[in-house]
Every structure is written in structure tokens, then in C-alpha cells.
């Protein structure tokens, strides 16, 4: 005997799916950031861009681009939320950077 699906059940399923998909995306993004390899400051790409783990230790006399208050968490390249302690970076693909780090590729994140 074939099982019939009512329109009401179909709509319920569609609504439930539309609520679950964004939640799963958020969970997936968090786990993806945890799987990234932390960027090593001695990596050739990092040294070429003057990457430092702690932005408060940037020597402003050696890097004319640096201004106080700049760090990865407020950079447009940072792929996490500003409150995330570590996230991916569009410059260092496949690597994660600390929120408090800095490099010469820094660009102000739009609000």
C-alpha cells in the first residue's frame, strides 16, 4: 500500500529544513576553523608580509603601514568574527591566524 504525503507534512518538512540548514552551516564553519593549521611566523609568505603573532609588538618604525589598533580580528581578510580567538585568513589559505596578529596585508574590515 503506497504511503501518501499530505501537503501539511510537506510544508512542515520544508520549514524544518529551512531552519536547520543555516544552523548546520554555522556548526560546519566552526569545525572548519578548528581544522586549519596555525600559521607559523617563519613561513616564507608570513615573513614576506611582515606577519607578527602579537600586533602590540610590531615595530612601527620598520613598518610604515602599521597603526595602533590594527590586528587580524578587525581586518577584512580575517574569515572569522571579530570575537573569535583564531580564524582563517584569505591571504594565508589553509592556515589560521590569531585575532591579535598583524601583517602588511591588513585592510580595515567594513562595519
N, C-alpha and C. Protein backbone atom coordinates (compact mmCIF):
# COMPACT_ATOMS: atom_id res chain seq x y z
N UNK A 1 0.84 -1.17 0.00
CA UNK A 1 0.00 0.00 0.00
C UNK A 1 0.89 1.24 0.00
N UNK A 2 0.75 2.13 -0.96
CA UNK A 2 1.58 3.33 -1.05
C UNK A 2 1.26 4.31 0.07
N UNK A 3 2.31 4.98 0.52
CA UNK A 3 2.18 5.97 1.59
C UNK A 3 2.02 7.35 0.96
N UNK A 4 0.95 8.02 1.31
CA UNK A 4 0.71 9.35 0.76
C UNK A 4 1.24 10.41 1.72
N UNK A 5 1.81 11.44 1.15
CA UNK A 5 2.33 12.55 1.94
C UNK A 5 1.34 13.71 1.80
N UNK A 6 0.88 14.20 2.92
CA UNK A 6 -0.06 15.32 2.87
C UNK A 6 0.69 16.62 2.61
N UNK A 7 -0.02 17.58 2.12
CA UNK A 7 0.56 18.89 1.85
C UNK A 7 1.07 19.51 3.16
N UNK A 8 0.34 19.30 4.23
CA UNK A 8 0.72 19.82 5.54
C UNK A 8 2.07 19.25 5.98
N UNK A 9 2.26 17.95 5.81
CA UNK A 9 3.53 17.31 6.17
C UNK A 9 4.68 17.83 5.31
N UNK A 10 4.39 18.05 4.04
CA UNK A 10 5.41 18.56 3.12
C UNK A 10 5.85 19.97 3.54
N UNK A 11 4.88 20.82 3.88
CA UNK A 11 5.21 22.18 4.30
C UNK A 11 5.99 22.16 5.61
N UNK A 12 5.58 21.32 6.55
CA UNK A 12 6.31 21.21 7.82
C UNK A 12 7.75 20.80 7.59
N UNK A 13 7.96 19.82 6.73
CA UNK A 13 9.31 19.35 6.43
C UNK A 13 10.14 20.44 5.78
N UNK A 14 9.55 21.19 4.88
CA UNK A 14 10.27 22.28 4.20
C UNK A 14 10.67 23.36 5.20
N UNK A 15 9.77 23.71 6.10
CA UNK A 15 10.08 24.74 7.10
C UNK A 15 11.17 24.27 8.06
N UNK A 16 11.09 23.04 8.47
CA UNK A 16 12.10 22.49 9.37
C UNK A 16 13.47 22.46 8.68
N UNK A 17 13.50 22.07 7.43
CA UNK A 17 14.76 22.04 6.68
C UNK A 17 15.34 23.43 6.53
N UNK A 18 14.49 24.41 6.25
CA UNK A 18 14.99 25.77 6.06
C UNK A 18 15.56 26.35 7.36
N UNK A 19 15.11 25.85 8.49
CA UNK A 19 15.65 26.30 9.78
C UNK A 19 16.94 25.57 10.12
N UNK A 20 17.07 24.33 9.73
CA UNK A 20 18.24 23.54 10.09
C UNK A 20 19.46 23.82 9.22
N UNK A 21 19.26 24.14 7.97
CA UNK A 21 20.39 24.32 7.05
C UNK A 21 21.33 25.44 7.52
N UNK A 22 20.83 26.64 7.88
CA UNK A 22 21.77 27.67 8.38
C UNK A 22 22.48 27.25 9.67
N UNK A 23 21.78 26.55 10.53
CA UNK A 23 22.40 26.10 11.79
C UNK A 23 23.54 25.13 11.49
N UNK A 24 23.34 24.24 10.55
CA UNK A 24 24.40 23.30 10.19
C UNK A 24 25.58 24.01 9.54
N UNK A 25 25.32 25.07 8.79
CA UNK A 25 26.41 25.83 8.17
C UNK A 25 27.28 26.49 9.22
N UNK A 26 26.66 27.03 10.26
CA UNK A 26 27.42 27.66 11.35
C UNK A 26 28.28 26.63 12.07
N UNK A 27 27.72 25.49 12.36
CA UNK A 27 28.46 24.42 13.03
C UNK A 27 29.62 23.96 12.15
N UNK A 28 29.37 23.81 10.85
CA UNK A 28 30.41 23.38 9.92
C UNK A 28 31.55 24.38 9.82
N UNK A 29 31.21 25.68 9.83
CA UNK A 29 32.25 26.71 9.73
C UNK A 29 33.13 26.72 10.97
N UNK A 30 32.53 26.53 12.14
CA UNK A 30 33.30 26.50 13.38
C UNK A 30 34.26 25.31 13.39
N UNK A 31 33.79 24.17 12.95
CA UNK A 31 34.67 23.00 12.94
C UNK A 31 35.74 23.13 11.87
N UNK A 32 35.43 23.82 10.77
CA UNK A 32 36.41 24.02 9.71
C UNK A 32 37.56 24.90 10.22
N UNK A 33 37.26 25.95 10.97
CA UNK A 33 38.29 26.83 11.52
C UNK A 33 39.19 26.07 12.48
N UNK A 34 38.62 25.13 13.23
CA UNK A 34 39.40 24.35 14.17
C UNK A 34 40.36 23.41 13.45
N UNK A 35 40.05 23.04 12.22
CA UNK A 35 40.88 22.11 11.47
C UNK A 35 42.04 22.79 10.74
N UNK A 36 42.03 24.12 10.64
CA UNK A 36 43.10 24.83 9.95
C UNK A 36 44.40 24.74 10.74
N UNK A 37 45.50 24.71 10.02
CA UNK A 37 46.83 24.67 10.64
C UNK A 37 47.22 26.09 11.02
N UNK A 38 47.67 26.32 12.25
CA UNK A 38 48.10 27.67 12.64
C UNK A 38 49.28 28.13 11.78
N UNK A 39 49.24 29.39 11.37
CA UNK A 39 50.31 29.96 10.56
C UNK A 39 51.57 30.11 11.40
N UNK A 40 52.67 29.64 10.86
CA UNK A 40 53.98 29.77 11.52
C UNK A 40 54.58 31.11 11.09
N UNK A 41 55.02 31.91 12.05
CA UNK A 41 55.59 33.22 11.74
C UNK A 41 56.83 33.13 10.86
N UNK A 42 57.47 31.96 10.80
CA UNK A 42 58.66 31.81 9.96
C UNK A 42 58.31 31.30 8.55
N UNK A 43 57.03 31.11 8.27
CA UNK A 43 56.58 30.70 6.93
C UNK A 43 57.03 31.78 5.94
N UNK A 44 57.52 31.40 4.75
CA UNK A 44 58.00 32.40 3.78
C UNK A 44 56.97 33.47 3.42
N UNK A 45 55.71 33.07 3.26
CA UNK A 45 54.67 34.06 2.95
C UNK A 45 54.46 35.01 4.12
N UNK A 46 54.53 34.48 5.32
CA UNK A 46 54.35 35.30 6.52
C UNK A 46 55.49 36.30 6.67
N UNK A 47 56.72 35.85 6.49
CA UNK A 47 57.86 36.76 6.64
C UNK A 47 57.85 37.82 5.54
N UNK A 48 57.42 37.47 4.33
CA UNK A 48 57.37 38.44 3.23
C UNK A 48 56.37 39.56 3.53
N UNK A 49 55.33 39.24 4.30
CA UNK A 49 54.32 40.25 4.63
C UNK A 49 54.48 40.80 6.05
N UNK A 50 55.60 40.53 6.68
CA UNK A 50 55.88 41.08 8.00
C UNK A 50 54.93 40.59 9.08
N UNK A 51 54.46 39.36 8.96
CA UNK A 51 53.50 38.80 9.92
C UNK A 51 54.11 38.71 11.31
N UNK A 52 53.33 39.17 12.30
CA UNK A 52 53.71 39.03 13.70
C UNK A 52 52.53 38.45 14.47
N UNK A 53 52.82 37.58 15.41
CA UNK A 53 51.78 36.91 16.20
C UNK A 53 51.05 37.90 17.11
N UNK A 54 51.76 38.90 17.63
CA UNK A 54 51.18 39.87 18.56
C UNK A 54 51.34 41.28 17.98
N UNK A 55 50.24 41.89 17.55
CA UNK A 55 50.29 43.21 16.91
C UNK A 55 50.85 44.28 17.84
N UNK A 56 50.76 44.08 19.14
CA UNK A 56 51.30 45.09 20.06
C UNK A 56 52.83 45.12 20.02
N UNK A 57 53.44 44.14 19.38
CA UNK A 57 54.91 44.08 19.30
C UNK A 57 55.44 44.47 17.92
N UNK A 58 54.57 45.04 17.07
CA UNK A 58 55.02 45.49 15.75
C UNK A 58 55.89 46.72 15.92
N UNK A 59 57.04 46.70 15.28
CA UNK A 59 57.94 47.85 15.32
C UNK A 59 57.45 48.84 14.26
N UNK A 60 56.73 49.88 14.68
CA UNK A 60 56.14 50.84 13.75
C UNK A 60 57.20 51.55 12.91
N UNK A 61 58.43 51.63 13.41
CA UNK A 61 59.48 52.29 12.64
C UNK A 61 59.91 51.42 11.44
N UNK A 62 59.72 50.11 11.55
CA UNK A 62 60.07 49.22 10.44
C UNK A 62 58.91 48.98 9.48
N UNK A 63 57.71 49.24 9.92
CA UNK A 63 56.53 49.01 9.10
C UNK A 63 55.69 50.27 9.06
N UNK A 64 55.86 51.05 8.00
CA UNK A 64 55.15 52.33 7.87
C UNK A 64 53.64 52.12 7.75
N UNK A 65 53.20 50.93 7.38
CA UNK A 65 51.77 50.65 7.21
C UNK A 65 51.04 50.49 8.54
N UNK A 66 51.75 50.15 9.59
CA UNK A 66 51.10 49.82 10.86
C UNK A 66 50.63 51.05 11.62
N UNK A 67 49.40 50.95 12.15
CA UNK A 67 48.86 51.98 13.03
C UNK A 67 48.29 51.27 14.25
N UNK A 68 48.37 51.90 15.40
CA UNK A 68 47.85 51.32 16.64
C UNK A 68 46.38 50.93 16.46
N UNK A 69 46.01 49.79 16.99
CA UNK A 69 44.63 49.31 16.90
C UNK A 69 44.40 48.33 15.75
N UNK A 70 45.38 48.20 14.87
CA UNK A 70 45.24 47.25 13.77
C UNK A 70 45.63 45.86 14.25
N UNK A 71 44.79 44.88 13.96
CA UNK A 71 45.09 43.48 14.25
C UNK A 71 44.15 42.63 13.40
N UNK A 72 44.43 41.37 13.31
CA UNK A 72 43.70 40.48 12.40
C UNK A 72 42.19 40.46 12.62
N UNK A 73 41.74 40.53 13.86
CA UNK A 73 40.30 40.42 14.12
C UNK A 73 39.49 41.54 13.47
N UNK A 74 40.11 42.68 13.18
CA UNK A 74 39.39 43.79 12.54
C UNK A 74 39.85 43.99 11.10
N UNK A 75 40.45 42.97 10.53
CA UNK A 75 40.93 43.02 9.14
C UNK A 75 39.90 42.37 8.21
N UNK A 76 39.78 42.89 7.01
CA UNK A 76 38.85 42.35 6.01
C UNK A 76 39.25 40.94 5.58
N UNK A 77 40.51 40.57 5.73
CA UNK A 77 40.99 39.24 5.32
C UNK A 77 40.62 38.16 6.33
N UNK A 78 40.33 38.55 7.57
CA UNK A 78 40.03 37.63 8.67
C UNK A 78 38.68 36.97 8.41
N UNK A 79 38.64 35.66 8.38
CA UNK A 79 37.44 34.93 7.99
C UNK A 79 36.56 34.50 9.16
N UNK A 80 36.83 35.01 10.33
CA UNK A 80 36.01 34.72 11.49
C UNK A 80 35.31 35.97 11.97
N UNK A 81 34.64 35.84 13.09
CA UNK A 81 34.03 37.01 13.73
C UNK A 81 35.12 37.73 14.52
N UNK A 82 34.99 39.02 14.71
CA UNK A 82 36.00 39.75 15.48
C UNK A 82 36.21 39.20 16.89
N UNK A 83 35.24 38.47 17.41
CA UNK A 83 35.38 37.90 18.76
C UNK A 83 36.05 36.53 18.76
N UNK A 84 36.26 35.93 17.58
CA UNK A 84 36.91 34.62 17.50
C UNK A 84 38.39 34.76 17.86
N UNK A 85 38.92 33.89 18.71
CA UNK A 85 40.34 33.99 19.09
C UNK A 85 41.29 33.62 17.94
N UNK A 86 40.80 32.85 16.98
CA UNK A 86 41.62 32.39 15.87
C UNK A 86 40.68 32.08 14.71
N UNK A 87 41.10 32.38 13.48
CA UNK A 87 40.27 32.08 12.31
C UNK A 87 41.14 32.00 11.07
N UNK A 88 40.52 31.59 9.98
CA UNK A 88 41.22 31.52 8.70
C UNK A 88 41.50 32.92 8.17
N UNK A 89 42.39 32.99 7.20
CA UNK A 89 42.76 34.26 6.58
C UNK A 89 42.79 34.05 5.07
N UNK A 90 42.21 35.00 4.32
CA UNK A 90 42.19 34.84 2.87
C UNK A 90 43.57 35.03 2.25
N UNK A 91 44.51 35.59 2.97
CA UNK A 91 45.88 35.75 2.47
C UNK A 91 46.66 34.45 2.65
N UNK A 92 46.52 33.83 3.81
CA UNK A 92 47.24 32.60 4.13
C UNK A 92 46.26 31.43 4.05
N UNK A 93 45.95 31.02 2.86
CA UNK A 93 44.94 29.99 2.61
C UNK A 93 45.33 28.68 3.29
N UNK A 94 44.36 28.08 3.99
CA UNK A 94 44.59 26.82 4.68
C UNK A 94 45.24 26.97 6.04
N UNK A 95 45.47 28.19 6.46
CA UNK A 95 46.09 28.46 7.75
C UNK A 95 45.16 29.32 8.59
N UNK A 96 45.33 29.24 9.89
CA UNK A 96 44.58 30.11 10.79
C UNK A 96 45.55 31.10 11.42
N UNK A 97 45.03 32.26 11.77
CA UNK A 97 45.84 33.29 12.40
C UNK A 97 45.17 33.73 13.70
N UNK A 98 45.95 34.14 14.69
CA UNK A 98 45.35 34.64 15.93
C UNK A 98 44.69 36.00 15.69
N UNK A 99 43.66 36.29 16.44
CA UNK A 99 42.94 37.56 16.30
C UNK A 99 43.84 38.75 16.57
N UNK A 100 44.83 38.58 17.41
CA UNK A 100 45.71 39.69 17.78
C UNK A 100 46.94 39.84 16.92
N UNK A 101 47.05 39.08 15.84
CA UNK A 101 48.22 39.15 14.96
C UNK A 101 48.08 40.32 13.97
N UNK A 102 49.10 40.52 13.13
CA UNK A 102 49.08 41.59 12.14
C UNK A 102 50.05 41.26 11.01
N UNK A 103 49.75 41.74 9.79
CA UNK A 103 50.70 41.68 8.67
C UNK A 103 50.45 42.87 7.75
N UNK A 104 51.32 43.06 6.77
CA UNK A 104 51.24 44.21 5.86
C UNK A 104 50.03 44.15 4.94
N UNK A 105 49.34 43.02 4.86
CA UNK A 105 48.15 42.90 4.02
C UNK A 105 46.89 43.38 4.74
N UNK A 106 47.07 43.94 5.93
CA UNK A 106 45.92 44.37 6.74
C UNK A 106 45.10 45.42 6.02
N UNK A 107 43.77 45.22 6.01
CA UNK A 107 42.81 46.17 5.43
C UNK A 107 41.64 46.27 6.40
N UNK A 108 41.19 47.48 6.68
CA UNK A 108 40.08 47.68 7.63
C UNK A 108 38.83 46.93 7.18
N UNK A 109 38.27 46.17 8.09
CA UNK A 109 37.01 45.44 7.85
C UNK A 109 35.87 46.46 7.84
N UNK A 110 34.98 46.33 6.87
CA UNK A 110 33.83 47.24 6.84
C UNK A 110 32.83 46.85 7.91
N UNK A 111 32.14 47.81 8.41
CA UNK A 111 31.21 47.57 9.51
C UNK A 111 29.94 46.90 9.07
